[in-house]
Amino acid sequence: MPFPERFRMPHVELFKKDTDPKEHVQRYRSAMAQYVHNDALLCLNFLQTLEDLGSWWFGRLPAASISSFGELSKAFSRQFLGNVHRKKSVAHLSQLKQGKDESLKRYLGRFGQEVSEIGKCK
């Protein structure tokens, strides 16, 4: 499938060493939503969203080793699995303890902050 006439790459925040790869792929897919049926375009332009280690990894892919954007996104996510941000669960709250010299007010403030982060990715 040829590149569309007057194609302009939409802005996608660059993938950096501490970026969650799954979130990055999701942002990229959203930005490129109108081109989801053009794997060549998706694969070739994905490189433009990578920085440092990401672009190094992309450049080291063997020729013809990826046949679709689905394959590319899976390989990318596997490669940078260590960057995946884990969601905190309610069980996390049971591990919070008030410090020996921590005031109740400070502890409750910290506890409230942790409650607000349940289910969110950091």
PDB file of N, CA and C in Angstrom:
ATOM      1  N   MET A   1       0.860  -1.177   0.000  1.00  0.00           N
ATOM      2  CA  MET A   1       0.000   0.000   0.000  1.00  0.00           C
ATOM      3  C   MET A   1       0.905   1.238   0.000  1.00  0.00           C
ATOM      4  N   PRO A   2       0.746   2.123  -0.960  1.00  0.00           N
ATOM      5  CA  PRO A   2       1.602   3.314  -1.035  1.00  0.00           C
ATOM      6  C   PRO A   2       1.294   4.308   0.088  1.00  0.00           C
ATOM      7  N   PHE A   3       2.266   5.190   0.315  1.00  0.00           N
ATOM      8  CA  PHE A   3       2.048   6.244   1.306  1.00  0.00           C
ATOM      9  C   PHE A   3       0.992   7.201   0.769  1.00  0.00           C
ATOM     10  N   PRO A   4       0.138   7.700   1.641  1.00  0.00           N
ATOM     11  CA  PRO A   4      -0.890   8.656   1.206  1.00  0.00           C
ATOM     12  C   PRO A   4      -0.252   9.961   0.713  1.00  0.00           C
ATOM     13  N   GLU A   5      -0.909  10.581  -0.243  1.00  0.00           N
ATOM     14  CA  GLU A   5      -0.432  11.885  -0.712  1.00  0.00           C
ATOM     15  C   GLU A   5      -0.453  12.882   0.442  1.00  0.00           C
ATOM     16  N   ARG A   6       0.518  13.735   0.462  1.00  0.00           N
ATOM     17  CA  ARG A   6       0.628  14.810   1.469  1.00  0.00           C
ATOM     18  C   ARG A   6       0.576  14.277   2.904  1.00  0.00           C
ATOM     19  N   PHE A   7       1.122  13.102   3.113  1.00  0.00           N
ATOM     20  CA  PHE A   7       1.163  12.542   4.471  1.00  0.00           C
ATOM     21  C   PHE A   7       2.046  13.415   5.353  1.00  0.00           C
ATOM     22  N   ARG A   8       1.536  13.725   6.532  1.00  0.00           N
ATOM     23  CA  ARG A   8       2.315  14.444   7.550  1.00  0.00           C
ATOM     24  C   ARG A   8       2.241  13.629   8.821  1.00  0.00           C
ATOM     25  N   MET A   9       3.389  13.362   9.376  1.00  0.00           N
ATOM     26  CA  MET A   9       3.460  12.574  10.601  1.00  0.00           C
ATOM     27  C   MET A   9       2.847  13.380  11.739  1.00  0.00           C
ATOM     28  N   PRO A  10       1.825  12.837  12.422  1.00  0.00           N
ATOM     29  CA  PRO A  10       1.251  13.545  13.574  1.00  0.00           C
ATOM     30  C   PRO A  10       2.247  13.557  14.732  1.00  0.00           C
ATOM     31  N   HIS A  11       2.074  14.496  15.627  1.00  0.00           N
ATOM     32  CA  HIS A  11       2.967  14.578  16.785  1.00  0.00           C
ATOM     33  C   HIS A  11       2.685  13.418  17.734  1.00  0.00           C
ATOM     34  N   VAL A  12       3.743  12.719  18.098  1.00  0.00           N
ATOM     35  CA  VAL A  12       3.680  11.655  19.095  1.00  0.00           C
ATOM     36  C   VAL A  12       4.861  11.880  20.020  1.00  0.00           C
ATOM     37  N   GLU A  13       4.596  11.915  21.317  1.00  0.00           N
ATOM     38  CA  GLU A  13       5.672  12.094  22.283  1.00  0.00           C
ATOM     39  C   GLU A  13       6.712  10.996  22.085  1.00  0.00           C
ATOM     40  N   LEU A  14       7.989  11.371  22.137  1.00  0.00           N
ATOM     41  CA  LEU A  14       9.061  10.405  21.908  1.00  0.00           C
ATOM     42  C   LEU A  14       9.140   9.353  23.001  1.00  0.00           C
ATOM     43  N   PHE A  15       9.494   8.135  22.591  1.00  0.00           N
ATOM     44  CA  PHE A  15       9.749   7.049  23.535  1.00  0.00           C
ATOM     45  C   PHE A  15      11.145   7.261  24.094  1.00  0.00           C
ATOM     46  N   LYS A  16      11.211   7.365  25.411  1.00  0.00           N
ATOM     47  CA  LYS A  16      12.497   7.546  26.087  1.00  0.00           C
ATOM     48  C   LYS A  16      12.758   6.337  26.965  1.00  0.00           C
ATOM     49  N   LYS A  17      13.900   6.304  27.602  1.00  0.00           N
ATOM     50  CA  LYS A  17      14.313   5.108  28.345  1.00  0.00           C
ATOM     51  C   LYS A  17      13.376   4.726  29.482  1.00  0.00           C
ATOM     52  N   ASP A  18      12.591   5.657  30.004  1.00  0.00           N
ATOM     53  CA  ASP A  18      11.687   5.324  31.115  1.00  0.00           C
ATOM     54  C   ASP A  18      10.208   5.312  30.715  1.00  0.00           C
ATOM     55  N   THR A  19       9.938   5.363  29.415  1.00  0.00           N
ATOM     56  CA  THR A  19       8.561   5.359  28.920  1.00  0.00           C
ATOM     57  C   THR A  19       8.008   3.936  28.906  1.00  0.00           C
ATOM     58  N   ASP A  20       6.748   3.790  29.249  1.00  0.00           N
ATOM     59  CA  ASP A  20       6.082   2.492  29.185  1.00  0.00           C
ATOM     60  C   ASP A  20       5.855   2.162  27.703  1.00  0.00           C
ATOM     61  N   PRO A  21       6.394   1.037  27.208  1.00  0.00           N
ATOM     62  CA  PRO A  21       6.272   0.733  25.779  1.00  0.00           C
ATOM     63  C   PRO A  21       4.831   0.503  25.323  1.00  0.00           C
ATOM     64  N   LYS A  22       4.012  -0.084  26.167  1.00  0.00           N
ATOM     65  CA  LYS A  22       2.617  -0.328  25.777  1.00  0.00           C
ATOM     66  C   LYS A  22       1.857   0.987  25.649  1.00  0.00           C
ATOM     67  N   GLU A  23       2.121   1.923  26.561  1.00  0.00           N
ATOM     68  CA  GLU A  23       1.485   3.239  26.472  1.00  0.00           C
ATOM     69  C   GLU A  23       1.961   3.966  25.218  1.00  0.00           C
ATOM     70  N   HIS A  24       3.246   3.817  24.898  1.00  0.00           N
ATOM     71  CA  HIS A  24       3.786   4.484  23.712  1.00  0.00           C
ATOM     72  C   HIS A  24       3.118   3.952  22.439  1.00  0.00           C
ATOM     73  N   VAL A  25       3.014   2.637  22.331  1.00  0.00           N
ATOM     74  CA  VAL A  25       2.373   2.037  21.156  1.00  0.00           C
ATOM     75  C   VAL A  25       0.917   2.488  21.069  1.00  0.00           C
ATOM     76  N   GLN A  26       0.240   2.543  22.199  1.00  0.00           N
ATOM     77  CA  GLN A  26      -1.162   2.978  22.209  1.00  0.00           C
ATOM     78  C   GLN A  26      -1.283   4.432  21.741  1.00  0.00           C
ATOM     79  N   ARG A  27      -0.396   5.304  22.224  1.00  0.00           N
ATOM     80  CA  ARG A  27      -0.421   6.708  21.780  1.00  0.00           C
ATOM     81  C   ARG A  27      -0.140   6.805  20.279  1.00  0.00           C
ATOM     82  N   TYR A  28       0.824   6.017  19.821  1.00  0.00           N
ATOM     83  CA  TYR A  28       1.171   6.022  18.396  1.00  0.00           C
ATOM     84  C   TYR A  28      -0.015   5.546  17.551  1.00  0.00           C
ATOM     85  N   ARG A  29      -0.625   4.437  17.960  1.00  0.00           N
ATOM     86  CA  ARG A  29      -1.790   3.930  17.216  1.00  0.00           C
ATOM     87  C   ARG A  29      -2.909   4.972  17.178  1.00  0.00           C
ATOM     88  N   SER A  30      -3.129   5.648  18.283  1.00  0.00           N
ATOM     89  CA  SER A  30      -4.181   6.675  18.327  1.00  0.00           C
ATOM     90  C   SER A  30      -3.865   7.810  17.366  1.00  0.00           C
ATOM     91  N   ALA A  31      -2.611   8.257  17.363  1.00  0.00           N
ATOM     92  CA  ALA A  31      -2.217   9.356  16.484  1.00  0.00           C
ATOM     93  C   ALA A  31      -2.305   8.954  15.012  1.00  0.00           C
ATOM     94  N   MET A  32      -2.057   7.687  14.730  1.00  0.00           N
ATOM     95  CA  MET A  32      -2.043   7.192  13.351  1.00  0.00           C
ATOM     96  C   MET A  32      -3.337   6.449  12.996  1.00  0.00           C
ATOM     97  N   ALA A  33      -4.399   6.688  13.731  1.00  0.00           N
ATOM     98  CA  ALA A  33      -5.649   5.927  13.588  1.00  0.00           C
ATOM     99  C   ALA A  33      -6.162   5.858  12.152  1.00  0.00           C
ATOM    100  N   GLN A  34      -6.013   6.908  11.395  1.00  0.00           N
ATOM    101  CA  GLN A  34      -6.543   6.883  10.033  1.00  0.00           C
ATOM    102  C   GLN A  34      -5.702   6.025   9.085  1.00  0.00           C
ATOM    103  N   TYR A  35      -4.549   5.557   9.569  1.00  0.00           N
ATOM    104  CA  TYR A  35      -3.662   4.753   8.725  1.00  0.00           C
ATOM    105  C   TYR A  35      -3.504   3.320   9.237  1.00  0.00           C
ATOM    106  N   VAL A  36      -4.410   2.849  10.091  1.00  0.00           N
ATOM    107  CA  VAL A  36      -4.247   1.532  10.718  1.00  0.00           C
ATOM    108  C   VAL A  36      -4.193   0.379   9.715  1.00  0.00           C
ATOM    109  N   HIS A  37      -4.636   0.577   8.501  1.00  0.00           N
ATOM    110  CA  HIS A  37      -4.613  -0.495   7.503  1.00  0.00           C
ATOM    111  C   HIS A  37      -3.385  -0.411   6.600  1.00  0.00           C
ATOM    112  N   ASN A  38      -2.439   0.449   6.949  1.00  0.00           N
ATOM    113  CA  ASN A  38      -1.223   0.617   6.153  1.00  0.00           C
ATOM    114  C   ASN A  38      -0.023   0.240   7.021  1.00  0.00           C
ATOM    115  N   ASP A  39       0.250  -1.066   7.117  1.00  0.00           N
ATOM    116  CA  ASP A  39       1.333  -1.550   7.977  1.00  0.00           C
ATOM    117  C   ASP A  39       2.690  -0.960   7.613  1.00  0.00           C
ATOM    118  N   ALA A  40       2.965  -0.810   6.327  1.00  0.00           N
ATOM    119  CA  ALA A  40       4.260  -0.260   5.915  1.00  0.00           C
ATOM    120  C   ALA A  40       4.441   1.147   6.477  1.00  0.00           C
ATOM    121  N   LEU A  41       3.423   1.955   6.359  1.00  0.00           N
ATOM    122  CA  LEU A  41       3.475   3.320   6.880  1.00  0.00           C
ATOM    123  C   LEU A  41       3.644   3.313   8.394  1.00  0.00           C
ATOM    124  N   LEU A  42       2.876   2.470   9.079  1.00  0.00           N
ATOM    125  CA  LEU A  42       2.969   2.390  10.539  1.00  0.00           C
ATOM    126  C   LEU A  42       4.363   1.957  10.978  1.00  0.00           C
ATOM    127  N   CYS A  43       4.902   0.937  10.331  1.00  0.00           N
ATOM    128  CA  CYS A  43       6.223   0.430  10.717  1.00  0.00           C
ATOM    129  C   CYS A  43       7.329   1.444  10.447  1.00  0.00           C
ATOM    130  N   LEU A  44       7.345   2.013   9.267  1.00  0.00           N
ATOM    131  CA  LEU A  44       8.421   2.937   8.911  1.00  0.00           C
ATOM    132  C   LEU A  44       8.392   4.219   9.736  1.00  0.00           C
ATOM    133  N   ASN A  45       7.214   4.711  10.035  1.00  0.00           N
ATOM    134  CA  ASN A  45       7.125   5.958  10.785  1.00  0.00           C
ATOM    135  C   ASN A  45       7.263   5.768  12.287  1.00  0.00           C
ATOM    136  N   PHE A  46       7.148   4.538  12.759  1.00  0.00           N
ATOM    137  CA  PHE A  46       7.316   4.268  14.190  1.00  0.00           C
ATOM    138  C   PHE A  46       8.700   4.705  14.654  1.00  0.00           C
ATOM    139  N   LEU A  47       9.693   4.531  13.793  1.00  0.00           N
ATOM    140  CA  LEU A  47      11.062   4.935  14.130  1.00  0.00           C
ATOM    141  C   LEU A  47      11.139   6.408  14.512  1.00  0.00           C
ATOM    142  N   GLN A  48      10.322   7.242  13.892  1.00  0.00           N
ATOM    143  CA  GLN A  48      10.350   8.676  14.187  1.00  0.00           C
ATOM    144  C   GLN A  48       9.895   8.997  15.606  1.00  0.00           C
ATOM    145  N   THR A  49       9.287   8.029  16.278  1.00  0.00           N
ATOM    146  CA  THR A  49       8.799   8.264  17.641  1.00  0.00           C
ATOM    147  C   THR A  49       9.749   7.705  18.692  1.00  0.00           C
ATOM    148  N   LEU A  50      10.898   7.188  18.250  1.00  0.00           N
ATOM    149  CA  LEU A  50      11.839   6.552  19.172  1.00  0.00           C
ATOM    150  C   LEU A  50      13.071   7.419  19.382  1.00  0.00           C
ATOM    151  N   GLU A  51      13.626   7.314  20.570  1.00  0.00           N
ATOM    152  CA  GLU A  51      14.819   8.072  20.923  1.00  0.00           C
ATOM    153  C   GLU A  51      15.821   7.106  21.552  1.00  0.00           C
ATOM    154  N   ASP A  52      17.076   7.375  21.417  1.00  0.00           N
ATOM    155  CA  ASP A  52      18.151   6.634  22.074  1.00  0.00           C
ATOM    156  C   ASP A  52      18.019   5.121  21.920  1.00  0.00           C
ATOM    157  N   LEU A  53      17.756   4.407  23.038  1.00  0.00           N
ATOM    158  CA  LEU A  53      17.699   2.942  23.019  1.00  0.00           C
ATOM    159  C   LEU A  53      16.640   2.418  22.067  1.00  0.00           C
ATOM    160  N   GLY A  54      15.520   3.115  21.990  1.00  0.00           N
ATOM    161  CA  GLY A  54      14.454   2.675  21.100  1.00  0.00           C
ATOM    162  C   GLY A  54      14.884   2.695  19.644  1.00  0.00           C
ATOM    163  N   SER A  55      15.525   3.776  19.222  1.00  0.00           N
ATOM    164  CA  SER A  55      15.963   3.845  17.825  1.00  0.00           C
ATOM    165  C   SER A  55      17.130   2.892  17.579  1.00  0.00           C
ATOM    166  N   TRP A  56      17.978   2.693  18.578  1.00  0.00           N
ATOM    167  CA  TRP A  56      19.070   1.721  18.459  1.00  0.00           C
ATOM    168  C   TRP A  56      18.487   0.324  18.251  1.00  0.00           C
ATOM    169  N   TRP A  57      17.480  -0.025  19.072  1.00  0.00           N
ATOM    170  CA  TRP A  57      16.830  -1.333  18.947  1.00  0.00           C
ATOM    171  C   TRP A  57      16.208  -1.490  17.564  1.00  0.00           C
ATOM    172  N   PHE A  58      15.487  -0.485  17.117  1.00  0.00           N
ATOM    173  CA  PHE A  58      14.815  -0.530  15.815  1.00  0.00           C
ATOM    174  C   PHE A  58      15.836  -0.743  14.700  1.00  0.00           C
ATOM    175  N   GLY A  59      16.951  -0.034  14.779  1.00  0.00           N
ATOM    176  CA  GLY A  59      17.991  -0.145  13.760  1.00  0.00           C
ATOM    177  C   GLY A  59      18.665  -1.505  13.715  1.00  0.00           C
ATOM    178  N   ARG A  60      18.595  -2.242  14.800  1.00  0.00           N
ATOM    179  CA  ARG A  60      19.228  -3.562  14.867  1.00  0.00           C
ATOM    180  C   ARG A  60      18.282  -4.699  14.464  1.00  0.00           C
ATOM    181  N   LEU A  61      17.051  -4.390  14.128  1.00  0.00           N
ATOM    182  CA  LEU A  61      16.129  -5.438  13.669  1.00  0.00           C
ATOM    183  C   LEU A  61      16.644  -6.011  12.350  1.00  0.00           C
ATOM    184  N   PRO A  62      16.715  -7.334  12.242  1.00  0.00           N
ATOM    185  CA  PRO A  62      17.160  -7.932  10.977  1.00  0.00           C
ATOM    186  C   PRO A  62      16.201  -7.577   9.838  1.00  0.00           C
ATOM    187  N   ALA A  63      16.752  -7.398   8.656  1.00  0.00           N
ATOM    188  CA  ALA A  63      15.940  -7.076   7.478  1.00  0.00           C
ATOM    189  C   ALA A  63      14.868  -8.146   7.278  1.00  0.00           C
ATOM    190  N   ALA A  64      13.676  -7.717   6.959  1.00  0.00           N
ATOM    191  CA  ALA A  64      12.528  -8.589   6.673  1.00  0.00           C
ATOM    192  C   ALA A  64      12.131  -9.477   7.854  1.00  0.00           C
ATOM    193  N   SER A  65      12.486  -9.074   9.071  1.00  0.00           N
ATOM    194  CA  SER A  65      12.124  -9.880  10.250  1.00  0.00           C
ATOM    195  C   SER A  65      10.748  -9.523  10.799  1.00  0.00           C
ATOM    196  N   ILE A  66      10.203  -8.404  10.361  1.00  0.00           N
ATOM    197  CA  ILE A  66       8.896  -7.926  10.827  1.00  0.00           C
ATOM    198  C   ILE A  66       7.980  -7.821   9.617  1.00  0.00           C
ATOM    199  N   SER A  67       6.797  -8.440   9.707  1.00  0.00           N
ATOM    200  CA  SER A  67       5.894  -8.403   8.551  1.00  0.00           C
ATOM    201  C   SER A  67       4.632  -7.580   8.780  1.00  0.00           C
ATOM    202  N   SER A  68       4.461  -7.057  10.003  1.00  0.00           N
ATOM    203  CA  SER A  68       3.276  -6.239  10.270  1.00  0.00           C
ATOM    204  C   SER A  68       3.548  -5.321  11.460  1.00  0.00           C
ATOM    205  N   PHE A  69       2.703  -4.310  11.594  1.00  0.00           N
ATOM    206  CA  PHE A  69       2.873  -3.431  12.749  1.00  0.00           C
ATOM    207  C   PHE A  69       2.538  -4.170  14.037  1.00  0.00           C
ATOM    208  N   GLY A  70       1.618  -5.117  13.972  1.00  0.00           N
ATOM    209  CA  GLY A  70       1.305  -5.938  15.146  1.00  0.00           C
ATOM    210  C   GLY A  70       2.542  -6.665  15.649  1.00  0.00           C
ATOM    211  N   GLU A  71       3.308  -7.253  14.729  1.00  0.00           N
ATOM    212  CA  GLU A  71       4.556  -7.931  15.106  1.00  0.00           C
ATOM    213  C   GLU A  71       5.555  -6.942  15.686  1.00  0.00           C
ATOM    214  N   LEU A  72       5.670  -5.789  15.036  1.00  0.00           N
ATOM    215  CA  LEU A  72       6.621  -4.778  15.504  1.00  0.00           C
ATOM    216  C   LEU A  72       6.265  -4.314  16.908  1.00  0.00           C
ATOM    217  N   SER A  73       4.995  -4.041  17.154  1.00  0.00           N
ATOM    218  CA  SER A  73       4.595  -3.544  18.474  1.00  0.00           C
ATOM    219  C   SER A  73       4.801  -4.609  19.551  1.00  0.00           C
ATOM    220  N   LYS A  74       4.573  -5.887  19.221  1.00  0.00           N
ATOM    221  CA  LYS A  74       4.817  -6.962  20.193  1.00  0.00           C
ATOM    222  C   LYS A  74       6.304  -7.095  20.495  1.00  0.00           C
ATOM    223  N   ALA A  75       7.132  -7.060  19.461  1.00  0.00           N
ATOM    224  CA  ALA A  75       8.582  -7.161  19.656  1.00  0.00           C
ATOM    225  C   ALA A  75       9.092  -5.975  20.473  1.00  0.00           C
ATOM    226  N   PHE A  76       8.583  -4.794  20.175  1.00  0.00           N
ATOM    227  CA  PHE A  76       8.974  -3.578  20.897  1.00  0.00           C
ATOM    228  C   PHE A  76       8.575  -3.674  22.368  1.00  0.00           C
ATOM    229  N   SER A  77       7.356  -4.102  22.626  1.00  0.00           N
ATOM    230  CA  SER A  77       6.877  -4.226  24.007  1.00  0.00           C
ATOM    231  C   SER A  77       7.672  -5.276  24.777  1.00  0.00           C
ATOM    232  N   ARG A  78       8.013  -6.384  24.118  1.00  0.00           N
ATOM    233  CA  ARG A  78       8.841  -7.416  24.777  1.00  0.00           C
ATOM    234  C   ARG A  78      10.225  -6.868  25.109  1.00  0.00           C
ATOM    235  N   GLN A  79      10.807  -6.144  24.163  1.00  0.00           N
ATOM    236  CA  GLN A  79      12.157  -5.613  24.355  1.00  0.00           C
ATOM    237  C   GLN A  79      12.222  -4.661  25.546  1.00  0.00           C
ATOM    238  N   PHE A  80      11.194  -3.849  25.726  1.00  0.00           N
ATOM    239  CA  PHE A  80      11.205  -2.829  26.772  1.00  0.00           C
ATOM    240  C   PHE A  80      10.221  -3.155  27.897  1.00  0.00           C
ATOM    241  N   LEU A  81      10.003  -4.440  28.132  1.00  0.00           N
ATOM    242  CA  LEU A  81       9.081  -4.914  29.163  1.00  0.00           C
ATOM    243  C   LEU A  81       9.408  -4.340  30.536  1.00  0.00           C
ATOM    244  N   GLY A  82      10.680  -4.137  30.817  1.00  0.00           N
ATOM    245  CA  GLY A  82      11.094  -3.595  32.114  1.00  0.00           C
ATOM    246  C   GLY A  82      10.586  -2.187  32.375  1.00  0.00           C
ATOM    247  N   ASN A  83      10.143  -1.496  31.339  1.00  0.00           N
ATOM    248  CA  ASN A  83       9.638  -0.129  31.496  1.00  0.00           C
ATOM    249  C   ASN A  83       8.149  -0.073  31.813  1.00  0.00           C
ATOM    250  N   VAL A  84       7.476  -1.226  31.778  1.00  0.00           N
ATOM    251  CA  VAL A  84       6.026  -1.237  32.003  1.00  0.00           C
ATOM    252  C   VAL A  84       5.733  -0.743  33.411  1.00  0.00           C
ATOM    253  N   HIS A  85       4.862   0.223  33.511  1.00  0.00           N
ATOM    254  CA  HIS A  85       4.479   0.791  34.802  1.00  0.00           C
ATOM    255  C   HIS A  85       3.356  -0.046  35.398  1.00  0.00           C
ATOM    256  N   ARG A  86       3.588  -0.521  36.566  1.00  0.00           N
ATOM    257  CA  ARG A  86       2.612  -1.384  37.237  1.00  0.00           C
ATOM    258  C   ARG A  86       1.571  -0.535  37.965  1.00  0.00           C
ATOM    259  N   LYS A  87       0.335  -0.991  37.907  1.00  0.00           N
ATOM    260  CA  LYS A  87      -0.734  -0.321  38.649  1.00  0.00           C
ATOM    261  C   LYS A  87      -0.680  -0.768  40.102  1.00  0.00           C
ATOM    262  N   LYS A  88      -0.945   0.165  40.990  1.00  0.00           N
ATOM    263  CA  LYS A  88      -1.017  -0.179  42.410  1.00  0.00           C
ATOM    264  C   LYS A  88      -2.391  -0.770  42.690  1.00  0.00           C
ATOM    265  N   SER A  89      -2.423  -1.751  43.578  1.00  0.00           N
ATOM    266  CA  SER A  89      -3.694  -2.372  43.934  1.00  0.00           C
ATOM    267  C   SER A  89      -4.065  -1.989  45.362  1.00  0.00           C
ATOM    268  N   VAL A  90      -5.267  -2.329  45.748  1.00  0.00           N
ATOM    269  CA  VAL A  90      -5.736  -2.061  47.106  1.00  0.00           C
ATOM    270  C   VAL A  90      -4.840  -2.771  48.118  1.00  0.00           C
ATOM    271  N   ALA A  91      -4.310  -3.933  47.753  1.00  0.00           N
ATOM    272  CA  ALA A  91      -3.421  -4.679  48.654  1.00  0.00           C
ATOM    273  C   ALA A  91      -2.188  -3.858  49.031  1.00  0.00           C
ATOM    274  N   HIS A  92      -1.784  -2.958  48.159  1.00  0.00           N
ATOM    275  CA  HIS A  92      -0.633  -2.087  48.432  1.00  0.00           C
ATOM    276  C   HIS A  92      -0.863  -1.264  49.705  1.00  0.00           C
ATOM    277  N   LEU A  93      -2.102  -0.859  49.936  1.00  0.00           N
ATOM    278  CA  LEU A  93      -2.410  -0.025  51.104  1.00  0.00           C
ATOM    279  C   LEU A  93      -2.128  -0.750  52.413  1.00  0.00           C
ATOM    280  N   SER A  94      -2.296  -2.064  52.424  1.00  0.00           N
ATOM    281  CA  SER A  94      -2.069  -2.816  53.664  1.00  0.00           C
ATOM    282  C   SER A  94      -0.600  -2.824  54.067  1.00  0.00           C
ATOM    283  N   GLN A  95       0.270  -2.474  53.148  1.00  0.00           N
ATOM    284  CA  GLN A  95       1.697  -2.457  53.447  1.00  0.00           C
ATOM    285  C   GLN A  95       2.175  -1.099  53.949  1.00  0.00           C
ATOM    286  N   LEU A  96       1.311  -0.104  53.886  1.00  0.00           N
ATOM    287  CA  LEU A  96       1.691   1.225  54.368  1.00  0.00           C
ATOM    288  C   LEU A  96       1.668   1.250  55.892  1.00  0.00           C
ATOM    289  N   LYS A  97       2.714   1.754  56.451  1.00  0.00           N
ATOM    290  CA  LYS A  97       2.816   1.852  57.914  1.00  0.00           C
ATOM    291  C   LYS A  97       3.205   3.276  58.287  1.00  0.00           C
ATOM    292  N   GLN A  98       2.735   3.687  59.433  1.00  0.00           N
ATOM    293  CA  GLN A  98       3.112   5.000  59.942  1.00  0.00           C
ATOM    294  C   GLN A  98       4.540   4.905  60.458  1.00  0.00           C
ATOM    295  N   GLY A  99       5.373   5.831  60.022  1.00  0.00           N
ATOM    296  CA  GLY A  99       6.766   5.856  60.469  1.00  0.00           C
ATOM    297  C   GLY A  99       6.866   6.168  61.954  1.00  0.00           C
ATOM    298  N   LYS A 100       7.963   5.731  62.563  1.00  0.00           N
ATOM    299  CA  LYS A 100       8.169   5.904  64.005  1.00  0.00           C
ATOM    300  C   LYS A 100       8.029   7.365  64.426  1.00  0.00           C
ATOM    301  N   ASP A 101       8.629   8.260  63.684  1.00  0.00           N
ATOM    302  CA  ASP A 101       8.576   9.688  64.021  1.00  0.00           C
ATOM    303  C   ASP A 101       7.627  10.467  63.111  1.00  0.00           C
ATOM    304  N   GLU A 102       6.765   9.773  62.392  1.00  0.00           N
ATOM    305  CA  GLU A 102       5.838  10.412  61.463  1.00  0.00           C
ATOM    306  C   GLU A 102       4.554  10.798  62.191  1.00  0.00           C
ATOM    307  N   SER A 103       4.135  12.040  62.023  1.00  0.00           N
ATOM    308  CA  SER A 103       2.888  12.474  62.664  1.00  0.00           C
ATOM    309  C   SER A 103       1.702  11.785  61.990  1.00  0.00           C
ATOM    310  N   LEU A 104       0.601  11.681  62.735  1.00  0.00           N
ATOM    311  CA  LEU A 104      -0.605  11.069  62.183  1.00  0.00           C
ATOM    312  C   LEU A 104      -1.092  11.863  60.974  1.00  0.00           C
ATOM    313  N   LYS A 105      -0.990  13.185  61.062  1.00  0.00           N
ATOM    314  CA  LYS A 105      -1.431  14.043  59.964  1.00  0.00           C
ATOM    315  C   LYS A 105      -0.627  13.744  58.696  1.00  0.00           C
ATOM    316  N   ARG A 106       0.681  13.632  58.833  1.00  0.00           N
ATOM    317  CA  ARG A 106       1.534  13.352  57.677  1.00  0.00           C
ATOM    318  C   ARG A 106       1.242  11.948  57.120  1.00  0.00           C
ATOM    319  N   TYR A 107       1.086  10.972  58.013  1.00  0.00           N
ATOM    320  CA  TYR A 107       0.789   9.602  57.581  1.00  0.00           C
ATOM    321  C   TYR A 107      -0.542   9.548  56.828  1.00  0.00           C
ATOM    322  N   LEU A 108      -1.570  10.203  57.363  1.00  0.00           N
ATOM    323  CA  LEU A 108      -2.877  10.199  56.697  1.00  0.00           C
ATOM    324  C   LEU A 108      -2.812  10.904  55.341  1.00  0.00           C
ATOM    325  N   GLY A 109      -1.998  11.946  55.255  1.00  0.00           N
ATOM    326  CA  GLY A 109      -1.810  12.624  53.969  1.00  0.00           C
ATOM    327  C   GLY A 109      -1.153  11.699  52.950  1.00  0.00           C
ATOM    328  N   ARG A 110      -0.128  10.980  53.385  1.00  0.00           N
ATOM    329  CA  ARG A 110       0.570  10.026  52.519  1.00  0.00           C
ATOM    330  C   ARG A 110      -0.369   8.879  52.124  1.00  0.00           C
ATOM    331  N   PHE A 111      -1.150   8.406  53.101  1.00  0.00           N
ATOM    332  CA  PHE A 111      -2.111   7.331  52.844  1.00  0.00           C
ATOM    333  C   PHE A 111      -3.148   7.784  51.810  1.00  0.00           C
ATOM    334  N   GLY A 112      -3.661   8.996  51.993  1.00  0.00           N
ATOM    335  CA  GLY A 112      -4.641   9.543  51.048  1.00  0.00           C
ATOM    336  C   GLY A 112      -4.072   9.660  49.643  1.00  0.00           C
ATOM    337  N   GLN A 113      -2.806  10.048  49.544  1.00  0.00           N
ATOM    338  CA  GLN A 113      -2.142  10.139  48.237  1.00  0.00           C
ATOM    339  C   GLN A 113      -2.061   8.759  47.583  1.00  0.00           C
ATOM    340  N   GLU A 114      -1.713   7.760  48.366  1.00  0.00           N
ATOM    341  CA  GLU A 114      -1.630   6.391  47.843  1.00  0.00           C
ATOM    342  C   GLU A 114      -3.008   5.889  47.402  1.00  0.00           C
ATOM    343  N   VAL A 115      -4.045   6.205  48.166  1.00  0.00           N
ATOM    344  CA  VAL A 115      -5.411   5.810  47.796  1.00  0.00           C
ATOM    345  C   VAL A 115      -5.775   6.414  46.440  1.00  0.00           C
ATOM    346  N   SER A 116      -5.395   7.664  46.225  1.00  0.00           N
ATOM    347  CA  SER A 116      -5.742   8.323  44.960  1.00  0.00           C
ATOM    348  C   SER A 116      -5.006   7.716  43.770  1.00  0.00           C
ATOM    349  N   GLU A 117      -3.932   6.980  44.021  1.00  0.00           N
ATOM    350  CA  GLU A 117      -3.161   6.380  42.931  1.00  0.00           C
ATOM    351  C   GLU A 117      -3.548   4.928  42.639  1.00  0.00           C
ATOM    352  N   ILE A 118      -4.474   4.375  43.401  1.00  0.00           N
ATOM    353  CA  ILE A 118      -4.903   2.996  43.157  1.00  0.00           C
ATOM    354  C   ILE A 118      -5.511   2.907  41.759  1.00  0.00           C
ATOM    355  N   GLY A 119      -5.043   1.946  40.989  1.00  0.00           N
ATOM    356  CA  GLY A 119      -5.555   1.741  39.639  1.00  0.00           C
ATOM    357  C   GLY A 119      -4.918   2.621  38.589  1.00  0.00           C
ATOM    358  N   LYS A 120      -4.125   3.607  38.992  1.00  0.00           N
ATOM    359  CA  LYS A 120      -3.446   4.474  38.035  1.00  0.00           C
ATOM    360  C   LYS A 120      -2.048   3.935  37.784  1.00  0.00           C
ATOM    361  N   CYS A 121      -1.535   4.180  36.598  1.00  0.00           N
ATOM    362  CA  CYS A 121      -0.138   3.855  36.311  1.00  0.00           C
ATOM    363  C   CYS A 121       0.704   5.057  36.699  1.00  0.00           C
ATOM    364  N   LYS A 122       1.839   4.798  37.265  1.00  0.00           N
ATOM    365  CA  LYS A 122       2.749   5.891  37.611  1.00  0.00           C
ATOM    366  C   LYS A 122       3.670   6.175  36.465  1.00  0.00           C
TER     367      LYS A 122
END
